[in-house]
C-alpha atoms as a PDB file:
ATOM      1  CA  MET A   1       0.000   0.000   0.000  1.00  0.00           C
ATOM      2  CA  VAL A   2       1.339   3.441  -0.904  1.00  0.00           C
ATOM      3  CA  VAL A   3       1.246   5.797   2.065  1.00  0.00           C
ATOM      4  CA  GLN A   4       2.054   9.478   2.582  1.00  0.00           C
ATOM      5  CA  LEU A   5       3.168  10.058  -0.984  1.00  0.00           C
ATOM      6  CA  ARG A   6       4.397  13.527  -1.674  1.00  0.00           C
ATOM      7  CA  ARG A   7       2.236  15.011  -4.388  1.00  0.00           C
ATOM      8  CA  ARG A   8       3.615  17.414  -6.909  1.00  0.00           C
ATOM      9  CA  ASN A   9       5.326  20.454  -5.410  1.00  0.00           C
ATOM     10  CA  LEU A  10       2.404  22.759  -6.052  1.00  0.00           C
ATOM     11  CA  VAL A  11       3.501  25.552  -8.336  1.00  0.00           C
ATOM     12  CA  ASN A  12       0.693  28.062  -8.213  1.00  0.00           C
ATOM     13  CA  PHE A  13       0.104  28.198 -11.927  1.00  0.00           C
ATOM     14  CA  SER A  14      -2.286  30.808 -13.188  1.00  0.00           C
ATOM     15  CA  SER A  15      -3.905  30.596 -16.595  1.00  0.00           C
ATOM     16  CA  GLN A  16      -1.187  32.999 -17.781  1.00  0.00           C
ATOM     17  CA  GLN A  17       1.743  30.738 -16.898  1.00  0.00           C
ATOM     18  CA  SER A  18       0.619  27.133 -17.250  1.00  0.00           C
ATOM     19  CA  ILE A  19       2.185  26.543 -20.708  1.00  0.00           C
ATOM     20  CA  GLY A  20       5.632  24.954 -20.952  1.00  0.00           C
ATOM     21  CA  VAL A  21       7.864  23.450 -23.623  1.00  0.00           C
ATOM     22  CA  GLY A  22      10.056  20.394 -23.747  1.00  0.00           C
ATOM     23  CA  LEU A  23      13.684  21.368 -23.152  1.00  0.00           C
ATOM     24  CA  ARG A  24      15.811  20.177 -26.089  1.00  0.00           C
ATOM     25  CA  SER A  25      19.555  20.632 -26.507  1.00  0.00           C
ATOM     26  CA  PRO A  26      19.457  23.028 -29.529  1.00  0.00           C
ATOM     27  CA  HIS A  27      17.508  25.534 -27.416  1.00  0.00           C
ATOM     28  CA  ILE A  28      19.279  25.333 -24.054  1.00  0.00           C
ATOM     29  CA  ILE A  29      21.759  28.200 -24.512  1.00  0.00           C
ATOM     30  CA  GLU A  30      19.090  30.466 -25.972  1.00  0.00           C
ATOM     31  CA  ILE A  31      16.743  29.797 -23.057  1.00  0.00           C
ATOM     32  CA  ILE A  32      19.535  30.373 -20.513  1.00  0.00           C
ATOM     33  CA  THR A  33      20.630  33.646 -22.090  1.00  0.00           C
ATOM     34  CA  GLN A  34      17.320  35.045 -23.371  1.00  0.00           C
ATOM     35  CA  ARG A  35      15.013  33.759 -20.620  1.00  0.00           C
ATOM     36  CA  PRO A  36      11.848  33.710 -22.759  1.00  0.00           C
ATOM     37  CA  GLN A  37       8.497  33.958 -21.006  1.00  0.00           C
ATOM     38  CA  LEU A  38       7.519  30.353 -20.294  1.00  0.00           C
ATOM     39  CA  GLY A  39       5.563  28.791 -17.490  1.00  0.00           C
ATOM     40  CA  TRP A  40       7.893  25.796 -17.088  1.00  0.00           C
ATOM     41  CA  LEU A  41      10.265  23.344 -18.771  1.00  0.00           C
ATOM     42  CA  GLU A  42      10.070  19.564 -19.087  1.00  0.00           C
ATOM     43  CA  ILE A  43      13.201  17.438 -19.370  1.00  0.00           C
ATOM     44  CA  HIS A  44      13.692  13.840 -20.428  1.00  0.00           C
ATOM     45  CA  SER A  45      15.027  12.552 -17.115  1.00  0.00           C
ATOM     46  CA  GLU A  46      17.552  10.092 -18.514  1.00  0.00           C
ATOM     47  CA  ASN A  47      19.428  12.844 -20.364  1.00  0.00           C
ATOM     48  CA  TYR A  48      20.350  14.389 -17.002  1.00  0.00           C
ATOM     49  CA  PHE A  49      21.346  11.393 -14.910  1.00  0.00           C
ATOM     50  CA  ASN A  50      25.077  12.201 -14.919  1.00  0.00           C
ATOM     51  CA  PRO A  51      25.526  14.764 -12.119  1.00  0.00           C
ATOM     52  CA  HIS A  52      28.844  15.939 -13.627  1.00  0.00           C
ATOM     53  CA  SER A  53      27.621  16.441 -17.183  1.00  0.00           C
ATOM     54  CA  LEU A  54      27.288  19.758 -18.997  1.00  0.00           C
ATOM     55  CA  ALA A  55      23.563  19.060 -19.346  1.00  0.00           C
ATOM     56  CA  ARG A  56      23.203  18.818 -15.561  1.00  0.00           C
ATOM     57  CA  GLN A  57      25.170  22.040 -15.073  1.00  0.00           C
ATOM     58  CA  GLN A  58      22.891  23.806 -17.536  1.00  0.00           C
ATOM     59  CA  LEU A  59      19.838  22.399 -15.790  1.00  0.00           C
ATOM     60  CA  ARG A  60      21.039  23.908 -12.519  1.00  0.00           C
ATOM     61  CA  GLN A  61      21.113  27.301 -14.218  1.00  0.00           C
ATOM     62  CA  LEU A  62      17.616  26.859 -15.609  1.00  0.00           C
ATOM     63  CA  GLN A  63      16.146  25.704 -12.286  1.00  0.00           C
ATOM     64  CA  SER A  64      16.498  29.168 -10.830  1.00  0.00           C
ATOM     65  CA  ASN A  65      14.251  30.661 -13.534  1.00  0.00           C
ATOM     66  CA  TYR A  66      11.737  27.940 -14.437  1.00  0.00           C
ATOM     67  CA  PRO A  67       9.826  25.158 -12.678  1.00  0.00           C
ATOM     68  CA  ILE A  68      11.047  21.770 -13.961  1.00  0.00           C
ATOM     69  CA  SER A  69       9.132  18.580 -14.768  1.00  0.00           C
ATOM     70  CA  CYS A  70      10.949  15.234 -15.105  1.00  0.00           C
ATOM     71  CA  HIS A  71       9.501  13.072 -17.882  1.00  0.00           C
ATOM     72  CA  GLY A  72      11.010   9.583 -18.028  1.00  0.00           C
ATOM     73  CA  ILE A  73      11.225   7.133 -20.890  1.00  0.00           C
ATOM     74  CA  GLY A  74      13.280   4.324 -19.360  1.00  0.00           C
ATOM     75  CA  LEU A  75      11.499   2.757 -16.380  1.00  0.00           C
ATOM     76  CA  SER A  76       9.782   0.163 -18.617  1.00  0.00           C
ATOM     77  CA  LEU A  77       6.929  -0.112 -16.145  1.00  0.00           C
ATOM     78  CA  GLY A  78       4.956  -2.600 -18.223  1.00  0.00           C
ATOM     79  CA  SER A  79       7.796  -5.084 -18.651  1.00  0.00           C
ATOM     80  CA  ASP A  80       7.880  -8.451 -16.920  1.00  0.00           C
ATOM     81  CA  ASP A  81      11.488  -7.612 -15.985  1.00  0.00           C
ATOM     82  CA  PRO A  82      12.082  -6.426 -12.428  1.00  0.00           C
ATOM     83  CA  LEU A  83      12.654  -2.714 -12.057  1.00  0.00           C
ATOM     84  CA  ASN A  84      16.154  -1.525 -12.924  1.00  0.00           C
ATOM     85  CA  ILE A  85      17.337  -0.436  -9.479  1.00  0.00           C
ATOM     86  CA  GLN A  86      20.330   1.495 -10.802  1.00  0.00           C
ATOM     87  CA  HIS A  87      18.055   3.469 -13.119  1.00  0.00           C
ATOM     88  CA  LEU A  88      15.613   4.126 -10.296  1.00  0.00           C
ATOM     89  CA  GLN A  89      18.351   5.345  -7.957  1.00  0.00           C
ATOM     90  CA  GLN A  90      19.703   7.686 -10.642  1.00  0.00           C
ATOM     91  CA  LEU A  91      16.214   9.067 -11.099  1.00  0.00           C
ATOM     92  CA  LYS A  92      15.844   9.531  -7.355  1.00  0.00           C
ATOM     93  CA  GLN A  93      19.138  11.435  -7.171  1.00  0.00           C
ATOM     94  CA  LEU A  94      18.056  13.712 -10.027  1.00  0.00           C
ATOM     95  CA  ILE A  95      14.715  14.362  -8.334  1.00  0.00           C
ATOM     96  CA  THR A  96      16.370  15.085  -4.989  1.00  0.00           C
ATOM     97  CA  GLU A  97      18.547  17.761  -6.577  1.00  0.00           C
ATOM     98  CA  THR A  98      16.087  19.168  -9.100  1.00  0.00           C
ATOM     99  CA  GLU A  99      12.887  19.100  -6.991  1.00  0.00           C
ATOM    100  CA  PRO A 100      10.621  18.833 -10.040  1.00  0.00           C
ATOM    101  CA  PHE A 101       7.000  19.785  -9.570  1.00  0.00           C
ATOM    102  CA  LEU A 102       5.930  16.740 -11.668  1.00  0.00           C
ATOM    103  CA  ILE A 103       7.435  13.308 -12.383  1.00  0.00           C
ATOM    104  CA  SER A 104       6.083  11.134 -15.174  1.00  0.00           C
ATOM    105  CA  ASP A 105       6.575   8.037 -17.306  1.00  0.00           C
ATOM    106  CA  HIS A 106       4.538   6.003 -19.805  1.00  0.00           C
ATOM    107  CA  LEU A 107       1.912   3.291 -20.030  1.00  0.00           C
ATOM    108  CA  SER A 108       4.310   1.085 -21.978  1.00  0.00           C
ATOM    109  CA  TRP A 109       7.225  -1.318 -21.773  1.00  0.00           C
ATOM    110  CA  SER A 110      10.658  -1.385 -23.424  1.00  0.00           C
ATOM    111  CA  SER A 111      12.779  -4.206 -22.005  1.00  0.00           C
ATOM    112  CA  VAL A 112      13.048  -8.010 -22.107  1.00  0.00           C
ATOM    113  CA  ASN A 113      15.558  -9.860 -19.941  1.00  0.00           C
ATOM    114  CA  GLY A 114      17.499  -6.653 -19.390  1.00  0.00           C
ATOM    115  CA  HIS A 115      17.735  -5.794 -23.089  1.00  0.00           C
ATOM    116  CA  TYR A 116      16.180  -2.426 -23.970  1.00  0.00           C
ATOM    117  CA  PHE A 117      14.425  -1.395 -27.160  1.00  0.00           C
ATOM    118  CA  ASN A 118      14.583   2.148 -28.458  1.00  0.00           C
ATOM    119  CA  ASP A 119      10.811   2.534 -28.312  1.00  0.00           C
ATOM    120  CA  LEU A 120       7.836   2.685 -25.986  1.00  0.00           C
ATOM    121  CA  LEU A 121       5.961  -0.521 -26.793  1.00  0.00           C
ATOM    122  CA  PRO A 122       2.219  -1.123 -26.270  1.00  0.00           C
ATOM    123  CA  LEU A 123       0.846  -3.372 -23.569  1.00  0.00           C
ATOM    124  CA  PRO A 124      -1.730  -6.119 -23.846  1.00  0.00           C
ATOM    125  CA  TYR A 125      -4.635  -4.735 -21.853  1.00  0.00           C
ATOM    126  CA  THR A 126      -5.332  -7.707 -19.600  1.00  0.00           C
ATOM    127  CA  GLU A 127      -5.739  -8.226 -15.856  1.00  0.00           C
ATOM    128  CA  GLU A 128      -2.289  -9.829 -15.701  1.00  0.00           C
ATOM    129  CA  ALA A 129      -0.661  -6.830 -17.380  1.00  0.00           C
ATOM    130  CA  LEU A 130      -2.660  -4.453 -15.187  1.00  0.00           C
ATOM    131  CA  ASN A 131      -1.496  -6.158 -11.994  1.00  0.00           C
ATOM    132  CA  ASN A 132       2.120  -6.115 -13.168  1.00  0.00           C
ATOM    133  CA  PHE A 133       1.998  -2.466 -14.195  1.00  0.00           C
ATOM    134  CA  CYS A 134       0.376  -1.366 -10.949  1.00  0.00           C
ATOM    135  CA  ASP A 135       2.947  -3.276  -8.894  1.00  0.00           C
ATOM    136  CA  LYS A 136       5.750  -1.413 -10.717  1.00  0.00           C
ATOM    137  CA  VAL A 137       4.142   1.998 -10.257  1.00  0.00           C
ATOM    138  CA  ILE A 138       3.670   1.352  -6.528  1.00  0.00           C
ATOM    139  CA  GLN A 139       7.309   0.241  -6.201  1.00  0.00           C
ATOM    140  CA  VAL A 140       8.564   3.370  -7.944  1.00  0.00           C
ATOM    141  CA  GLN A 141       6.394   5.685  -5.889  1.00  0.00           C
ATOM    142  CA  ASP A 142       7.526   3.976  -2.686  1.00  0.00           C
ATOM    143  CA  VAL A 143      11.194   4.482  -3.594  1.00  0.00           C
ATOM    144  CA  LEU A 144      10.789   8.065  -4.767  1.00  0.00           C
ATOM    145  CA  GLN A 145       8.249   8.968  -2.062  1.00  0.00           C
ATOM    146  CA  ARG A 146       6.592  11.030  -4.761  1.00  0.00           C
ATOM    147  CA  GLN A 147       3.489  10.587  -6.832  1.00  0.00           C
ATOM    148  CA  MET A 148       4.093   9.730 -10.479  1.00  0.00           C
ATOM    149  CA  LEU A 149       2.043  10.658 -13.514  1.00  0.00           C
ATOM    150  CA  ILE A 150       1.384   7.978 -16.138  1.00  0.00           C
ATOM    151  CA  GLU A 151       1.011   9.051 -19.766  1.00  0.00           C
ATOM    152  CA  ASN A 152      -1.371   7.389 -22.206  1.00  0.00           C
ATOM    153  CA  PRO A 153       0.542   6.022 -25.232  1.00  0.00           C
ATOM    154  CA  SER A 154       0.250   6.279 -28.972  1.00  0.00           C
ATOM    155  CA  SER A 155       0.216   2.843 -30.608  1.00  0.00           C
ATOM    156  CA  TYR A 156       0.168   1.158 -33.984  1.00  0.00           C
ATOM    157  CA  LEU A 157      -1.002  -2.351 -33.125  1.00  0.00           C
ATOM    158  CA  GLN A 158      -3.309  -4.009 -30.633  1.00  0.00           C
ATOM    159  CA  PHE A 159      -3.133  -7.410 -28.998  1.00  0.00           C
ATOM    160  CA  GLN A 160      -5.962  -9.783 -29.867  1.00  0.00           C
ATOM    161  CA  HIS A 161      -6.085 -11.066 -26.297  1.00  0.00           C
ATOM    162  CA  SER A 162      -6.616  -7.601 -24.779  1.00  0.00           C
ATOM    163  CA  THR A 163      -9.813  -7.536 -22.746  1.00  0.00           C
ATOM    164  CA  ILE A 164      -9.846  -3.976 -21.358  1.00  0.00           C
ATOM    165  CA  PRO A 165     -10.201  -0.740 -23.350  1.00  0.00           C
ATOM    166  CA  GLU A 166      -7.132   1.454 -22.963  1.00  0.00           C
ATOM    167  CA  TRP A 167      -9.028   4.247 -21.206  1.00  0.00           C
ATOM    168  CA  GLU A 168     -10.412   1.810 -18.628  1.00  0.00           C
ATOM    169  CA  PHE A 169      -6.966   0.266 -18.148  1.00  0.00           C
ATOM    170  CA  LEU A 170      -5.433   3.700 -17.578  1.00  0.00           C
ATOM    171  CA  MET A 171      -8.079   4.683 -15.051  1.00  0.00           C
ATOM    172  CA  ALA A 172      -7.692   1.354 -13.257  1.00  0.00           C
ATOM    173  CA  VAL A 173      -3.946   2.039 -12.901  1.00  0.00           C
ATOM    174  CA  GLN A 174      -4.732   5.432 -11.396  1.00  0.00           C
ATOM    175  CA  GLN A 175      -7.296   4.069  -8.966  1.00  0.00           C
ATOM    176  CA  ARG A 176      -5.138   1.166  -7.785  1.00  0.00           C
ATOM    177  CA  THR A 177      -1.880   3.124  -7.374  1.00  0.00           C
ATOM    178  CA  ASP A 178      -3.005   6.681  -6.594  1.00  0.00           C
ATOM    179  CA  CYS A 179      -0.791   7.932  -9.399  1.00  0.00           C
ATOM    180  CA  GLY A 180      -1.743  10.985 -11.437  1.00  0.00           C
ATOM    181  CA  LEU A 181      -2.354  11.088 -15.180  1.00  0.00           C
ATOM    182  CA  LEU A 182      -0.497  12.854 -17.948  1.00  0.00           C
ATOM    183  CA  LEU A 183      -3.065  13.201 -20.708  1.00  0.00           C
ATOM    184  CA  ASP A 184      -1.506  13.342 -24.176  1.00  0.00           C
ATOM    185  CA  LEU A 185      -4.225  14.577 -26.519  1.00  0.00           C
ATOM    186  CA  ASN A 186      -2.153  13.950 -29.632  1.00  0.00           C
ATOM    187  CA  ASN A 187      -1.650  10.322 -28.606  1.00  0.00           C
ATOM    188  CA  ILE A 188      -5.409   9.894 -28.230  1.00  0.00           C
ATOM    189  CA  HIS A 189      -5.976  11.445 -31.658  1.00  0.00           C
ATOM    190  CA  VAL A 190      -3.317   9.287 -33.357  1.00  0.00           C
ATOM    191  CA  SER A 191      -4.430   6.049 -31.724  1.00  0.00           C
ATOM    192  CA  SER A 192      -8.092   6.759 -32.434  1.00  0.00           C
ATOM    193  CA  PHE A 193      -7.342   6.730 -36.147  1.00  0.00           C
ATOM    194  CA  ASN A 194      -5.034   3.710 -36.008  1.00  0.00           C
ATOM    195  CA  HIS A 195      -7.473   1.609 -33.967  1.00  0.00           C
ATOM    196  CA  GLY A 196     -10.845   3.045 -34.913  1.00  0.00           C
ATOM    197  CA  PHE A 197     -12.136   4.320 -31.590  1.00  0.00           C
ATOM    198  CA  ASP A 198     -13.778   7.663 -30.804  1.00  0.00           C
ATOM    199  CA  CYS A 199     -11.695  10.309 -29.007  1.00  0.00           C
ATOM    200  CA  GLN A 200     -14.817  11.401 -27.154  1.00  0.00           C
ATOM    201  CA  THR A 201     -15.286   7.908 -25.714  1.00  0.00           C
ATOM    202  CA  TYR A 202     -11.723   8.022 -24.399  1.00  0.00           C
ATOM    203  CA  LEU A 203     -11.981  11.505 -22.916  1.00  0.00           C
ATOM    204  CA  ALA A 204     -15.355  10.810 -21.302  1.00  0.00           C
ATOM    205  CA  ALA A 205     -13.785   7.944 -19.329  1.00  0.00           C
ATOM    206  CA  ILE A 206     -10.988  10.079 -17.860  1.00  0.00           C
ATOM    207  CA  ASN A 207     -11.507  11.656 -14.447  1.00  0.00           C
ATOM    208  CA  PRO A 208     -10.315  15.259 -14.938  1.00  0.00           C
ATOM    209  CA  ALA A 209      -9.514  15.554 -11.229  1.00  0.00           C
ATOM    210  CA  VAL A 210      -6.508  13.222 -11.608  1.00  0.00           C
ATOM    211  CA  VAL A 211      -5.104  14.816 -14.797  1.00  0.00           C
ATOM    212  CA  GLN A 212      -2.111  16.874 -13.671  1.00  0.00           C
ATOM    213  CA  GLU A 213      -0.472  17.540 -17.042  1.00  0.00           C
ATOM    214  CA  ILE A 214      -1.440  17.738 -20.719  1.00  0.00           C
ATOM    215  CA  HIS A 215       0.830  17.079 -23.701  1.00  0.00           C
ATOM    216  CA  LEU A 216       0.345  18.552 -27.166  1.00  0.00           C
ATOM    217  CA  ALA A 217       2.454  17.538 -30.157  1.00  0.00           C
ATOM    218  CA  GLY A 218       2.383  16.885 -33.889  1.00  0.00           C
ATOM    219  CA  PHE A 219       2.329  13.682 -35.947  1.00  0.00           C
ATOM    220  CA  ILE A 220       2.753  12.464 -39.524  1.00  0.00           C
ATOM    221  CA  ARG A 221       0.545  10.444 -41.846  1.00  0.00           C
ATOM    222  CA  LYS A 222       2.217   7.556 -43.665  1.00  0.00           C
ATOM    223  CA  GLN A 223       0.866   5.485 -46.531  1.00  0.00           C
ATOM    224  CA  LEU A 224       1.598   1.763 -46.294  1.00  0.00           C
ATOM    225  CA  PRO A 225       0.650  -1.004 -48.776  1.00  0.00           C
ATOM    226  CA  HIS A 226      -2.387  -1.931 -46.654  1.00  0.00           C
ATOM    227  CA  GLY A 227      -3.510   1.597 -45.830  1.00  0.00           C
ATOM    228  CA  GLU A 228      -2.688   4.778 -43.947  1.00  0.00           C
ATOM    229  CA  ILE A 229      -1.174   4.943 -40.480  1.00  0.00           C
ATOM    230  CA  TRP A 230      -0.595   7.945 -38.227  1.00  0.00           C
ATOM    231  CA  ILE A 231       2.741   8.109 -36.394  1.00  0.00           C
ATOM    232  CA  ASP A 232       3.401  10.132 -33.252  1.00  0.00           C
ATOM    233  CA  THR A 233       6.720  11.666 -34.348  1.00  0.00           C
ATOM    234  CA  HIS A 234       6.634  14.956 -32.431  1.00  0.00           C
ATOM    235  CA  SER A 235       8.091  16.506 -35.574  1.00  0.00           C
ATOM    236  CA  GLN A 236       5.254  18.782 -36.690  1.00  0.00           C
ATOM    237  CA  PRO A 237       3.093  21.591 -35.337  1.00  0.00           C
ATOM    238  CA  VAL A 238       0.062  20.557 -33.302  1.00  0.00           C
ATOM    239  CA  SER A 239      -2.752  19.583 -35.689  1.00  0.00           C
ATOM    240  CA  ASP A 240      -6.021  21.492 -35.892  1.00  0.00           C
ATOM    241  CA  GLU A 241      -7.911  18.454 -34.596  1.00  0.00           C
ATOM    242  CA  VAL A 242      -5.715  18.248 -31.479  1.00  0.00           C
ATOM    243  CA  TRP A 243      -6.123  21.970 -30.866  1.00  0.00           C
ATOM    244  CA  GLN A 244      -9.874  21.356 -30.975  1.00  0.00           C
ATOM    245  CA  LEU A 245      -9.557  18.570 -28.392  1.00  0.00           C
ATOM    246  CA  TYR A 246      -7.494  20.895 -26.213  1.00  0.00           C
ATOM    247  CA  GLN A 247     -10.041  23.687 -26.501  1.00  0.00           C
ATOM    248  CA  GLN A 248     -12.792  21.247 -25.553  1.00  0.00           C
ATOM    249  CA  TRP A 249     -10.800  20.069 -22.515  1.00  0.00           C
ATOM    250  CA  ILE A 250     -10.119  23.636 -21.335  1.00  0.00           C
ATOM    251  CA  ARG A 251     -13.760  24.616 -21.852  1.00  0.00           C
ATOM    252  CA  ASN A 252     -14.989  21.653 -19.831  1.00  0.00           C
ATOM    253  CA  HIS A 253     -12.330  21.385 -17.128  1.00  0.00           C
ATOM    254  CA  GLY A 254     -10.528  24.712 -16.743  1.00  0.00           C
ATOM    255  CA  SER A 255      -7.156  26.145 -17.669  1.00  0.00           C
ATOM    256  CA  GLU A 256      -4.781  25.652 -14.739  1.00  0.00           C
ATOM    257  CA  THR A 257      -3.498  22.170 -15.634  1.00  0.00           C
ATOM    258  CA  PRO A 258       0.113  22.527 -16.858  1.00  0.00           C
ATOM    259  CA  THR A 259       0.258  22.062 -20.643  1.00  0.00           C
ATOM    260  CA  LEU A 260       3.378  21.100 -22.599  1.00  0.00           C
ATOM    261  CA  ILE A 261       4.342  21.632 -26.222  1.00  0.00           C
ATOM    262  CA  GLU A 262       6.469  18.636 -27.306  1.00  0.00           C
ATOM    263  CA  TRP A 263       8.821  18.654 -30.310  1.00  0.00           C
ATOM    264  CA  ASP A 264      11.437  15.885 -30.462  1.00  0.00           C
ATOM    265  CA  ALA A 265      12.427  15.399 -34.130  1.00  0.00           C
ATOM    266  CA  ASP A 266      13.233  17.862 -36.913  1.00  0.00           C
ATOM    267  CA  ILE A 267      13.540  20.373 -34.095  1.00  0.00           C
ATOM    268  CA  PRO A 268      12.759  23.897 -35.299  1.00  0.00           C
ATOM    269  CA  PRO A 269      14.008  27.238 -33.958  1.00  0.00           C
ATOM    270  CA  LEU A 270      12.830  28.026 -30.449  1.00  0.00           C
ATOM    271  CA  ALA A 271      10.554  30.730 -31.849  1.00  0.00           C
ATOM    272  CA  ILE A 272       8.389  28.023 -33.443  1.00  0.00           C
ATOM    273  CA  LEU A 273       7.861  26.281 -30.087  1.00  0.00           C
ATOM    274  CA  LEU A 274       7.091  29.600 -28.457  1.00  0.00           C
ATOM    275  CA  ALA A 275       4.512  30.289 -31.178  1.00  0.00           C
ATOM    276  CA  GLU A 276       2.854  26.929 -30.434  1.00  0.00           C
ATOM    277  CA  ALA A 277       2.868  27.797 -26.726  1.00  0.00           C
ATOM    278  CA  ASN A 278       1.228  31.114 -27.592  1.00  0.00           C
ATOM    279  CA  LYS A 279      -1.529  29.245 -29.468  1.00  0.00           C
ATOM    280  CA  ALA A 280      -2.252  27.220 -26.336  1.00  0.00           C
ATOM    281  CA  GLN A 281      -2.253  30.411 -24.298  1.00  0.00           C
ATOM    282  CA  ALA A 282      -4.683  32.042 -26.749  1.00  0.00           C
ATOM    283  CA  ILE A 283      -7.088  29.107 -26.346  1.00  0.00           C
ATOM    284  CA  ILE A 284      -6.925  29.422 -22.570  1.00  0.00           C
ATOM    285  CA  GLU A 285      -7.592  33.151 -22.706  1.00  0.00           C
ATOM    286  CA  LYS A 286     -10.486  32.718 -25.138  1.00  0.00           C
ATOM    287  CA  GLU A 287     -12.176  30.050 -23.027  1.00  0.00           C
ATOM    288  CA  TYR A 288     -11.574  32.025 -19.839  1.00  0.00           C
ATOM    289  CA  ALA A 289     -13.177  35.093 -21.424  1.00  0.00           C
ATOM    290  CA  ASN A 290     -16.147  33.054 -22.659  1.00  0.00           C
ATOM    291  CA  ALA A 291     -16.642  31.513 -19.215  1.00  0.00           C
ATOM    292  CA  THR A 292     -16.486  34.949 -17.574  1.00  0.00           C
ATOM    293  CA  ILE A 293     -19.132  36.286 -19.956  1.00  0.00           C
ATOM    294  CA  SER A 294     -21.362  33.257 -19.313  1.00  0.00           C
ATOM    295  CA  ASN A 295     -21.048  33.648 -15.555  1.00  0.00           C
ATOM    296  CA  HIS A 296     -22.145  37.266 -15.762  1.00  0.00           C
ATOM    297  CA  ALA A 297     -24.923  36.734 -18.276  1.00  0.00           C
END
């Protein structure tokens, strides 16, 4: 049983400062020197494990100006392998020094018998997989003494023996482990096309009270011999359809949940990411204004 978990270090985000961007190496010097107006920065935890690296030194500089979120890709929580204790201890050391306001990883797996794949692989959604995943999340939270967020995946195949819809699986993880959720709206959009479900069905099943972060990113469409597939590349601007999902979420659930613009491949100038962040901010301001008018009508 998980007891007395430290929740996120509550940064008092207003609707004017809840938008962040993923920190990527081509932009680090510019952010350090120019200090653009951003609510927060998210790092890929594993890139900062070495306490003596240049990246860690730069992170120390950034910490004084921006709240930091640690987003992991290497815990392999859905694997049948035991947790990698060395990896977990490195993460704990980073968290101790950085004091991130959020810590997150993925509803996925990436290792077999200690061998790691360079991808976040989909789970079979079964009771056995659910029990295994929840056990890992509880172990990690017990070691870190912090609540984790679990991010919904994008995926390109499904297992025939899955018995639980992804949205129900994700909510079951949250309820059994007391973790939070990182809701990636682009992943929902991509997977809905690849697997033929309705985004609205997915979103309706998610308890907004446990969503502590939102991700927005871009994807590509690829034609294969047997049809089209959408791939979550994080290499494009956020699509119009995902902006619409975001606007719907803000309208229904408010604007203070931290929102991240992700861009991981074909990385553009920082100004492009800031423009995407400004689009998210414009949606927040529009919905806030509409709600204010409605309340006074």
